[in-house]
């Protein structure tokens, strides 16, 4: 999450009101319920993981061993097995 400076986006009267409660502290403003995004959606990390997992499954289906795949991706063999198992569900 990227921090924004309140001075750049809020009117002065709102900043002064907030300072009465949280002067100089970080404040998280939650998203509106209808604007919520799922984990990894904004950063694209979820898509990166999905792409990696597809490659892992493809390598496994093409005959690579779990051990070989785990070494290539720096993951435990247990994690590779979980990725493969979850794909078969």
PDB file of N, CA and C in Angstrom:
ATOM      1  N   UNK A   1       0.847  -1.169   0.000  1.00  0.00           N
ATOM      2  CA  UNK A   1       0.000   0.000   0.000  1.00  0.00           C
ATOM      3  C   UNK A   1       0.896   1.236   0.000  1.00  0.00           C
ATOM      4  N   UNK A   2       0.519   2.204  -0.789  1.00  0.00           N
ATOM      5  CA  UNK A   2       1.284   3.434  -0.917  1.00  0.00           C
ATOM      6  C   UNK A   2       0.689   4.504  -0.001  1.00  0.00           C
ATOM      7  N   UNK A   3       1.552   5.174   0.745  1.00  0.00           N
ATOM      8  CA  UNK A   3       1.089   6.248   1.620  1.00  0.00           C
ATOM      9  C   UNK A   3       0.972   7.535   0.837  1.00  0.00           C
ATOM     10  N   UNK A   4      -0.033   8.312   1.154  1.00  0.00           N
ATOM     11  CA  UNK A   4      -0.238   9.635   0.554  1.00  0.00           C
ATOM     12  C   UNK A   4      -0.115  10.673   1.657  1.00  0.00           C
ATOM     13  N   UNK A   5       0.383  11.835   1.304  1.00  0.00           N
ATOM     14  CA  UNK A   5       0.459  12.936   2.253  1.00  0.00           C
ATOM     15  C   UNK A   5      -0.898  13.622   2.284  1.00  0.00           C
ATOM     16  N   UNK A   6      -1.474  13.712   3.470  1.00  0.00           N
ATOM     17  CA  UNK A   6      -2.801  14.312   3.614  1.00  0.00           C
ATOM     18  C   UNK A   6      -2.821  15.740   3.074  1.00  0.00           C
ATOM     19  N   UNK A   7      -1.720  16.468   3.199  1.00  0.00           N
ATOM     20  CA  UNK A   7      -1.663  17.843   2.696  1.00  0.00           C
ATOM     21  C   UNK A   7      -1.874  17.908   1.187  1.00  0.00           C
ATOM     22  N   UNK A   8      -1.562  16.818   0.499  1.00  0.00           N
ATOM     23  CA  UNK A   8      -1.698  16.801  -0.958  1.00  0.00           C
ATOM     24  C   UNK A   8      -3.114  16.482  -1.430  1.00  0.00           C
ATOM     25  N   UNK A   9      -3.948  15.920  -0.528  1.00  0.00           N
ATOM     26  CA  UNK A   9      -5.256  15.461  -1.010  1.00  0.00           C
ATOM     27  C   UNK A   9      -6.454  15.926  -0.180  1.00  0.00           C
ATOM     28  N   UNK A  10      -6.230  16.382   1.034  1.00  0.00           N
ATOM     29  CA  UNK A  10      -7.363  16.776   1.879  1.00  0.00           C
ATOM     30  C   UNK A  10      -7.394  18.283   2.101  1.00  0.00           C
ATOM     31  N   UNK A  11      -8.596  18.829   2.250  1.00  0.00           N
ATOM     32  CA  UNK A  11      -8.702  20.251   2.603  1.00  0.00           C
ATOM     33  C   UNK A  11      -8.155  20.496   4.013  1.00  0.00           C
ATOM     34  N   UNK A  12      -7.673  21.695   4.236  1.00  0.00           N
ATOM     35  CA  UNK A  12      -7.038  22.042   5.505  1.00  0.00           C
ATOM     36  C   UNK A  12      -7.960  21.806   6.701  1.00  0.00           C
ATOM     37  N   UNK A  13      -9.248  22.125   6.584  1.00  0.00           N
ATOM     38  CA  UNK A  13     -10.147  21.959   7.734  1.00  0.00           C
ATOM     39  C   UNK A  13     -10.297  20.489   8.137  1.00  0.00           C
ATOM     40  N   UNK A  14     -10.219  19.584   7.176  1.00  0.00           N
ATOM     41  CA  UNK A  14     -10.301  18.156   7.500  1.00  0.00           C
ATOM     42  C   UNK A  14      -9.002  17.700   8.160  1.00  0.00           C
ATOM     43  N   UNK A  15      -7.873  18.174   7.673  1.00  0.00           N
ATOM     44  CA  UNK A  15      -6.583  17.832   8.285  1.00  0.00           C
ATOM     45  C   UNK A  15      -6.556  18.295   9.736  1.00  0.00           C
ATOM     46  N   UNK A  16      -7.005  19.523   9.977  1.00  0.00           N
ATOM     47  CA  UNK A  16      -7.021  20.054  11.349  1.00  0.00           C
ATOM     48  C   UNK A  16      -7.938  19.233  12.245  1.00  0.00           C
ATOM     49  N   UNK A  17      -9.056  18.782  11.717  1.00  0.00           N
ATOM     50  CA  UNK A  17      -9.976  17.955  12.496  1.00  0.00           C
ATOM     51  C   UNK A  17      -9.320  16.608  12.829  1.00  0.00           C
ATOM     52  N   UNK A  18      -8.668  15.999  11.850  1.00  0.00           N
ATOM     53  CA  UNK A  18      -7.999  14.720  12.088  1.00  0.00           C
ATOM     54  C   UNK A  18      -6.852  14.866  13.088  1.00  0.00           C
ATOM     55  N   UNK A  19      -6.152  15.981  13.039  1.00  0.00           N
ATOM     56  CA  UNK A  19      -5.029  16.201  13.954  1.00  0.00           C
ATOM     57  C   UNK A  19      -5.473  16.226  15.411  1.00  0.00           C
ATOM     58  N   UNK A  20      -6.733  16.537  15.666  1.00  0.00           N
ATOM     59  CA  UNK A  20      -7.253  16.497  17.031  1.00  0.00           C
ATOM     60  C   UNK A  20      -7.232  15.074  17.589  1.00  0.00           C
ATOM     61  N   UNK A  21      -7.304  14.080  16.696  1.00  0.00           N
ATOM     62  CA  UNK A  21      -7.368  12.680  17.106  1.00  0.00           C
ATOM     63  C   UNK A  21      -6.057  11.929  16.893  1.00  0.00           C
ATOM     64  N   UNK A  22      -5.369  12.205  15.805  1.00  0.00           N
ATOM     65  CA  UNK A  22      -4.195  11.410  15.442  1.00  0.00           C
ATOM     66  C   UNK A  22      -3.039  12.301  14.979  1.00  0.00           C
ATOM     67  N   UNK A  23      -2.696  13.270  15.732  1.00  0.00           N
ATOM     68  CA  UNK A  23      -1.653  14.225  15.359  1.00  0.00           C
ATOM     69  C   UNK A  23      -0.313  13.534  15.130  1.00  0.00           C
ATOM     70  N   UNK A  24       0.164  13.564  13.892  1.00  0.00           N
ATOM     71  CA  UNK A  24       1.475  13.019  13.560  1.00  0.00           C
ATOM     72  C   UNK A  24       1.547  11.508  13.450  1.00  0.00           C
ATOM     73  N   UNK A  25       0.434  10.812  13.519  1.00  0.00           N
ATOM     74  CA  UNK A  25       0.443   9.347  13.440  1.00  0.00           C
ATOM     75  C   UNK A  25      -0.050   8.903  12.067  1.00  0.00           C
ATOM     76  N   UNK A  26       0.242   7.637  11.727  1.00  0.00           N
ATOM     77  CA  UNK A  26      -0.281   7.060  10.497  1.00  0.00           C
ATOM     78  C   UNK A  26      -1.728   6.659  10.726  1.00  0.00           C
ATOM     79  N   UNK A  27      -2.531   6.853   9.715  1.00  0.00           N
ATOM     80  CA  UNK A  27      -3.950   6.537   9.817  1.00  0.00           C
ATOM     81  C   UNK A  27      -4.356   5.761   8.579  1.00  0.00           C
ATOM     82  N   UNK A  28      -4.958   4.601   8.776  1.00  0.00           N
ATOM     83  CA  UNK A  28      -5.460   3.805   7.656  1.00  0.00           C
ATOM     84  C   UNK A  28      -6.920   4.166   7.430  1.00  0.00           C
ATOM     85  N   UNK A  29      -7.262   4.487   6.213  1.00  0.00           N
ATOM     86  CA  UNK A  29      -8.645   4.758   5.843  1.00  0.00           C
ATOM     87  C   UNK A  29      -9.134   3.546   5.052  1.00  0.00           C
ATOM     88  N   UNK A  30     -10.058   2.765   5.595  1.00  0.00           N
ATOM     89  CA  UNK A  30     -10.510   1.566   4.874  1.00  0.00           C
ATOM     90  C   UNK A  30     -11.297   1.930   3.621  1.00  0.00           C
ATOM     91  N   UNK A  31     -11.268   1.031   2.655  1.00  0.00           N
ATOM     92  CA  UNK A  31     -12.020   1.225   1.414  1.00  0.00           C
ATOM     93  C   UNK A  31     -13.509   1.085   1.694  1.00  0.00           C
ATOM     94  N   UNK A  32     -14.304   1.722   0.863  1.00  0.00           N
ATOM     95  CA  UNK A  32     -15.749   1.513   0.926  1.00  0.00           C
ATOM     96  C   UNK A  32     -16.020   0.054   0.584  1.00  0.00           C
ATOM     97  N   UNK A  33     -17.070  -0.494   1.131  1.00  0.00           N
ATOM     98  CA  UNK A  33     -17.391  -1.913   0.950  1.00  0.00           C
ATOM     99  C   UNK A  33     -17.490  -2.289  -0.536  1.00  0.00           C
ATOM    100  N   UNK A  34     -18.085  -1.422  -1.335  1.00  0.00           N
ATOM    101  CA  UNK A  34     -18.271  -1.742  -2.752  1.00  0.00           C
ATOM    102  C   UNK A  34     -16.999  -1.495  -3.580  1.00  0.00           C
ATOM    103  N   UNK A  35     -15.926  -0.979  -2.981  1.00  0.00           N
ATOM    104  CA  UNK A  35     -14.666  -0.733  -3.684  1.00  0.00           C
ATOM    105  C   UNK A  35     -13.557  -1.697  -3.286  1.00  0.00           C
ATOM    106  N   UNK A  36     -13.864  -2.654  -2.426  1.00  0.00           N
ATOM    107  CA  UNK A  36     -12.827  -3.555  -1.936  1.00  0.00           C
ATOM    108  C   UNK A  36     -12.266  -4.410  -3.064  1.00  0.00           C
ATOM    109  N   UNK A  37     -10.962  -4.654  -2.986  1.00  0.00           N
ATOM    110  CA  UNK A  37     -10.287  -5.495  -3.970  1.00  0.00           C
ATOM    111  C   UNK A  37      -9.739  -6.714  -3.256  1.00  0.00           C
ATOM    112  N   UNK A  38      -9.654  -7.791  -3.974  1.00  0.00           N
ATOM    113  CA  UNK A  38      -9.124  -9.005  -3.368  1.00  0.00           C
ATOM    114  C   UNK A  38      -7.605  -8.922  -3.270  1.00  0.00           C
ATOM    115  N   UNK A  39      -7.037  -9.787  -2.437  1.00  0.00           N
ATOM    116  CA  UNK A  39      -5.603  -9.801  -2.192  1.00  0.00           C
ATOM    117  C   UNK A  39      -4.844  -9.951  -3.500  1.00  0.00           C
ATOM    118  N   UNK A  40      -3.834  -9.103  -3.693  1.00  0.00           N
ATOM    119  CA  UNK A  40      -2.964  -9.200  -4.849  1.00  0.00           C
ATOM    120  C   UNK A  40      -3.529  -8.640  -6.138  1.00  0.00           C
ATOM    121  N   UNK A  41      -4.751  -8.167  -6.094  1.00  0.00           N
ATOM    122  CA  UNK A  41      -5.396  -7.684  -7.319  1.00  0.00           C
ATOM    123  C   UNK A  41      -4.736  -6.411  -7.842  1.00  0.00           C
ATOM    124  N   UNK A  42      -4.457  -5.490  -6.965  1.00  0.00           N
ATOM    125  CA  UNK A  42      -3.906  -4.203  -7.394  1.00  0.00           C
ATOM    126  C   UNK A  42      -2.439  -4.309  -7.784  1.00  0.00           C
ATOM    127  N   UNK A  43      -1.664  -5.076  -7.028  1.00  0.00           N
ATOM    128  CA  UNK A  43      -0.228  -5.173  -7.290  1.00  0.00           C
ATOM    129  C   UNK A  43       0.097  -6.121  -8.437  1.00  0.00           C
ATOM    130  N   UNK A  44      -0.828  -7.025  -8.739  1.00  0.00           N
ATOM    131  CA  UNK A  44      -0.579  -8.003  -9.787  1.00  0.00           C
ATOM    132  C   UNK A  44       0.135  -9.249  -9.289  1.00  0.00           C
ATOM    133  N   UNK A  45       0.421  -9.308  -7.990  1.00  0.00           N
ATOM    134  CA  UNK A  45       1.161 -10.439  -7.439  1.00  0.00           C
ATOM    135  C   UNK A  45       0.371 -11.738  -7.543  1.00  0.00           C
ATOM    136  N   UNK A  46      -0.930 -11.664  -7.376  1.00  0.00           N
ATOM    137  CA  UNK A  46      -1.756 -12.867  -7.486  1.00  0.00           C
ATOM    138  C   UNK A  46      -1.626 -13.470  -8.878  1.00  0.00           C
ATOM    139  N   UNK A  47      -1.633 -12.625  -9.908  1.00  0.00           N
ATOM    140  CA  UNK A  47      -1.492 -13.111 -11.277  1.00  0.00           C
ATOM    141  C   UNK A  47      -0.117 -13.733 -11.485  1.00  0.00           C
ATOM    142  N   UNK A  48       0.921 -13.127 -10.887  1.00  0.00           N
ATOM    143  CA  UNK A  48       2.270 -13.698 -10.977  1.00  0.00           C
ATOM    144  C   UNK A  48       2.307 -15.100 -10.372  1.00  0.00           C
ATOM    145  N   UNK A  49       1.670 -15.272  -9.214  1.00  0.00           N
ATOM    146  CA  UNK A  49       1.637 -16.590  -8.580  1.00  0.00           C
ATOM    147  C   UNK A  49       0.869 -17.592  -9.434  1.00  0.00           C
ATOM    148  N   UNK A  50      -0.238 -17.155 -10.017  1.00  0.00           N
ATOM    149  CA  UNK A  50      -1.010 -18.050 -10.885  1.00  0.00           C
ATOM    150  C   UNK A  50      -0.185 -18.496 -12.090  1.00  0.00           C
ATOM    151  N   UNK A  51       0.560 -17.558 -12.672  1.00  0.00           N
ATOM    152  CA  UNK A  51       1.419 -17.891 -13.811  1.00  0.00           C
ATOM    153  C   UNK A  51       2.510 -18.874 -13.396  1.00  0.00           C
ATOM    154  N   UNK A  52       3.131 -18.621 -12.245  1.00  0.00           N
ATOM    155  CA  UNK A  52       4.167 -19.530 -11.746  1.00  0.00           C
ATOM    156  C   UNK A  52       3.601 -20.916 -11.511  1.00  0.00           C
ATOM    157  N   UNK A  53       2.432 -20.994 -10.902  1.00  0.00           N
ATOM    158  CA  UNK A  53       1.827 -22.286 -10.602  1.00  0.00           C
ATOM    159  C   UNK A  53       1.471 -23.052 -11.874  1.00  0.00           C
ATOM    160  N   UNK A  54       1.006 -22.335 -12.907  1.00  0.00           N
ATOM    161  CA  UNK A  54       0.722 -22.992 -14.186  1.00  0.00           C
ATOM    162  C   UNK A  54       1.994 -23.585 -14.790  1.00  0.00           C
ATOM    163  N   UNK A  55       3.104 -22.846 -14.675  1.00  0.00           N
ATOM    164  CA  UNK A  55       4.382 -23.347 -15.191  1.00  0.00           C
ATOM    165  C   UNK A  55       4.825 -24.593 -14.414  1.00  0.00           C
ATOM    166  N   UNK A  56       4.634 -24.559 -13.104  1.00  0.00           N
ATOM    167  CA  UNK A  56       4.997 -25.706 -12.264  1.00  0.00           C
ATOM    168  C   UNK A  56       4.195 -26.934 -12.687  1.00  0.00           C
ATOM    169  N   UNK A  57       2.907 -26.767 -12.866  1.00  0.00           N
ATOM    170  CA  UNK A  57       2.044 -27.881 -13.259  1.00  0.00           C
ATOM    171  C   UNK A  57       2.430 -28.397 -14.638  1.00  0.00           C
ATOM    172  N   UNK A  58       2.723 -27.480 -15.548  1.00  0.00           N
ATOM    173  CA  UNK A  58       3.129 -27.878 -16.898  1.00  0.00           C
ATOM    174  C   UNK A  58       4.432 -28.684 -16.854  1.00  0.00           C
ATOM    175  N   UNK A  59       5.395 -28.229 -16.060  1.00  0.00           N
ATOM    176  CA  UNK A  59       6.662 -28.957 -15.942  1.00  0.00           C
ATOM    177  C   UNK A  59       6.441 -30.340 -15.347  1.00  0.00           C
ATOM    178  N   UNK A  60       5.566 -30.421 -14.350  1.00  0.00           N
ATOM    179  CA  UNK A  60       5.264 -31.710 -13.726  1.00  0.00           C
ATOM    180  C   UNK A  60       4.609 -32.652 -14.741  1.00  0.00           C
ATOM    181  N   UNK A  61       3.656 -32.120 -15.512  1.00  0.00           N
ATOM    182  CA  UNK A  61       2.974 -32.932 -16.521  1.00  0.00           C
ATOM    183  C   UNK A  61       3.910 -33.353 -17.651  1.00  0.00           C
ATOM    184  N   UNK A  62       4.993 -32.594 -17.847  1.00  0.00           N
ATOM    185  CA  UNK A  62       5.969 -32.937 -18.886  1.00  0.00           C
ATOM    186  C   UNK A  62       7.079 -33.849 -18.364  1.00  0.00           C
ATOM    187  N   UNK A  63       6.927 -34.335 -17.113  1.00  0.00           N
ATOM    188  CA  UNK A  63       7.839 -35.356 -16.623  1.00  0.00           C
ATOM    189  C   UNK A  63       8.892 -34.928 -15.623  1.00  0.00           C
ATOM    190  N   UNK A  64       8.964 -33.648 -15.288  1.00  0.00           N
ATOM    191  CA  UNK A  64       9.936 -33.249 -14.271  1.00  0.00           C
ATOM    192  C   UNK A  64       9.490 -33.778 -12.916  1.00  0.00           C
ATOM    193  N   UNK A  65      10.460 -34.091 -12.072  1.00  0.00           N
ATOM    194  CA  UNK A  65      10.132 -34.589 -10.734  1.00  0.00           C
ATOM    195  C   UNK A  65       9.828 -33.426  -9.804  1.00  0.00           C
ATOM    196  N   UNK A  66       9.135 -33.735  -8.721  1.00  0.00           N
ATOM    197  CA  UNK A  66       8.826 -32.723  -7.705  1.00  0.00           C
ATOM    198  C   UNK A  66      10.116 -32.118  -7.177  1.00  0.00           C
ATOM    199  N   UNK A  67      11.123 -32.932  -6.974  1.00  0.00           N
ATOM    200  CA  UNK A  67      12.401 -32.441  -6.447  1.00  0.00           C
ATOM    201  C   UNK A  67      13.044 -31.446  -7.414  1.00  0.00           C
ATOM    202  N   UNK A  68      13.052 -31.767  -8.706  1.00  0.00           N
ATOM    203  CA  UNK A  68      13.638 -30.869  -9.702  1.00  0.00           C
ATOM    204  C   UNK A  68      12.892 -29.533  -9.728  1.00  0.00           C
ATOM    205  N   UNK A  69      11.588 -29.613  -9.703  1.00  0.00           N
ATOM    206  CA  UNK A  69      10.778 -28.389  -9.749  1.00  0.00           C
ATOM    207  C   UNK A  69      11.014 -27.552  -8.498  1.00  0.00           C
ATOM    208  N   UNK A  70      11.070 -28.201  -7.345  1.00  0.00           N
ATOM    209  CA  UNK A  70      11.273 -27.458  -6.094  1.00  0.00           C
ATOM    210  C   UNK A  70      12.614 -26.730  -6.099  1.00  0.00           C
ATOM    211  N   UNK A  71      13.618 -27.327  -6.695  1.00  0.00           N
ATOM    212  CA  UNK A  71      14.932 -26.679  -6.769  1.00  0.00           C
ATOM    213  C   UNK A  71      14.910 -25.497  -7.741  1.00  0.00           C
ATOM    214  N   UNK A  72      14.179 -25.638  -8.833  1.00  0.00           N
ATOM    215  CA  UNK A  72      14.103 -24.557  -9.821  1.00  0.00           C
ATOM    216  C   UNK A  72      13.366 -23.330  -9.290  1.00  0.00           C
ATOM    217  N   UNK A  73      12.358 -23.556  -8.465  1.00  0.00           N
ATOM    218  CA  UNK A  73      11.524 -22.455  -7.979  1.00  0.00           C
ATOM    219  C   UNK A  73      11.825 -22.064  -6.525  1.00  0.00           C
ATOM    220  N   UNK A  74      12.810 -22.708  -5.919  1.00  0.00           N
ATOM    221  CA  UNK A  74      13.190 -22.418  -4.526  1.00  0.00           C
ATOM    222  C   UNK A  74      12.006 -22.559  -3.578  1.00  0.00           C
ATOM    223  N   UNK A  75      11.214 -23.610  -3.821  1.00  0.00           N
ATOM    224  CA  UNK A  75      10.098 -23.947  -2.951  1.00  0.00           C
ATOM    225  C   UNK A  75      10.332 -25.335  -2.377  1.00  0.00           C
ATOM    226  N   UNK A  76       9.667 -25.637  -1.265  1.00  0.00           N
ATOM    227  CA  UNK A  76       9.799 -26.979  -0.696  1.00  0.00           C
ATOM    228  C   UNK A  76       9.032 -27.972  -1.569  1.00  0.00           C
ATOM    229  N   UNK A  77       9.422 -29.228  -1.458  1.00  0.00           N
ATOM    230  CA  UNK A  77       8.712 -30.272  -2.194  1.00  0.00           C
ATOM    231  C   UNK A  77       7.249 -30.324  -1.751  1.00  0.00           C
ATOM    232  N   UNK A  78       7.026 -30.085  -0.469  1.00  0.00           N
ATOM    233  CA  UNK A  78       5.653 -30.065   0.049  1.00  0.00           C
ATOM    234  C   UNK A  78       4.832 -28.989  -0.671  1.00  0.00           C
ATOM    235  N   UNK A  79       5.415 -27.803  -0.877  1.00  0.00           N
ATOM    236  CA  UNK A  79       4.702 -26.719  -1.566  1.00  0.00           C
ATOM    237  C   UNK A  79       4.391 -27.091  -3.011  1.00  0.00           C
ATOM    238  N   UNK A  80       5.334 -27.727  -3.680  1.00  0.00           N
ATOM    239  CA  UNK A  80       5.112 -28.144  -5.069  1.00  0.00           C
ATOM    240  C   UNK A  80       3.980 -29.162  -5.130  1.00  0.00           C
ATOM    241  N   UNK A  81       3.991 -30.124  -4.221  1.00  0.00           N
ATOM    242  CA  UNK A  81       2.918 -31.131  -4.190  1.00  0.00           C
ATOM    243  C   UNK A  81       1.560 -30.478  -3.947  1.00  0.00           C
ATOM    244  N   UNK A  82       1.529 -29.477  -3.070  1.00  0.00           N
ATOM    245  CA  UNK A  82       0.279 -28.770  -2.770  1.00  0.00           C
ATOM    246  C   UNK A  82      -0.241 -28.047  -4.017  1.00  0.00           C
ATOM    247  N   UNK A  83       0.654 -27.394  -4.744  1.00  0.00           N
ATOM    248  CA  UNK A  83       0.263 -26.694  -5.975  1.00  0.00           C
ATOM    249  C   UNK A  83      -0.323 -27.685  -6.975  1.00  0.00           C
ATOM    250  N   UNK A  84       0.346 -28.823  -7.138  1.00  0.00           N
ATOM    251  CA  UNK A  84      -0.129 -29.839  -8.070  1.00  0.00           C
ATOM    252  C   UNK A  84      -1.468 -30.410  -7.608  1.00  0.00           C
ATOM    253  N   UNK A  85      -1.572 -30.711  -6.312  1.00  0.00           N
ATOM    254  CA  UNK A  85      -2.809 -31.277  -5.769  1.00  0.00           C
ATOM    255  C   UNK A  85      -3.976 -30.290  -5.917  1.00  0.00           C
ATOM    256  N   UNK A  86      -3.731 -29.009  -5.593  1.00  0.00           N
ATOM    257  CA  UNK A  86      -4.790 -28.010  -5.684  1.00  0.00           C
ATOM    258  C   UNK A  86      -5.262 -27.819  -7.114  1.00  0.00           C
ATOM    259  N   UNK A  87      -4.388 -28.017  -8.060  1.00  0.00           N
ATOM    260  CA  UNK A  87      -4.768 -27.896  -9.466  1.00  0.00           C
ATOM    261  C   UNK A  87      -5.685 -29.036  -9.899  1.00  0.00           C
ATOM    262  N   UNK A  88      -5.531 -30.189  -9.280  1.00  0.00           N
ATOM    263  CA  UNK A  88      -6.338 -31.357  -9.668  1.00  0.00           C
ATOM    264  C   UNK A  88      -7.733 -31.330  -9.059  1.00  0.00           C
ATOM    265  N   UNK A  89      -8.010 -30.353  -8.194  1.00  0.00           N
ATOM    266  CA  UNK A  89      -9.338 -30.278  -7.555  1.00  0.00           C
ATOM    267  C   UNK A  89     -10.340 -29.644  -8.483  1.00  0.00           C
TER     268      UNK A  89
END
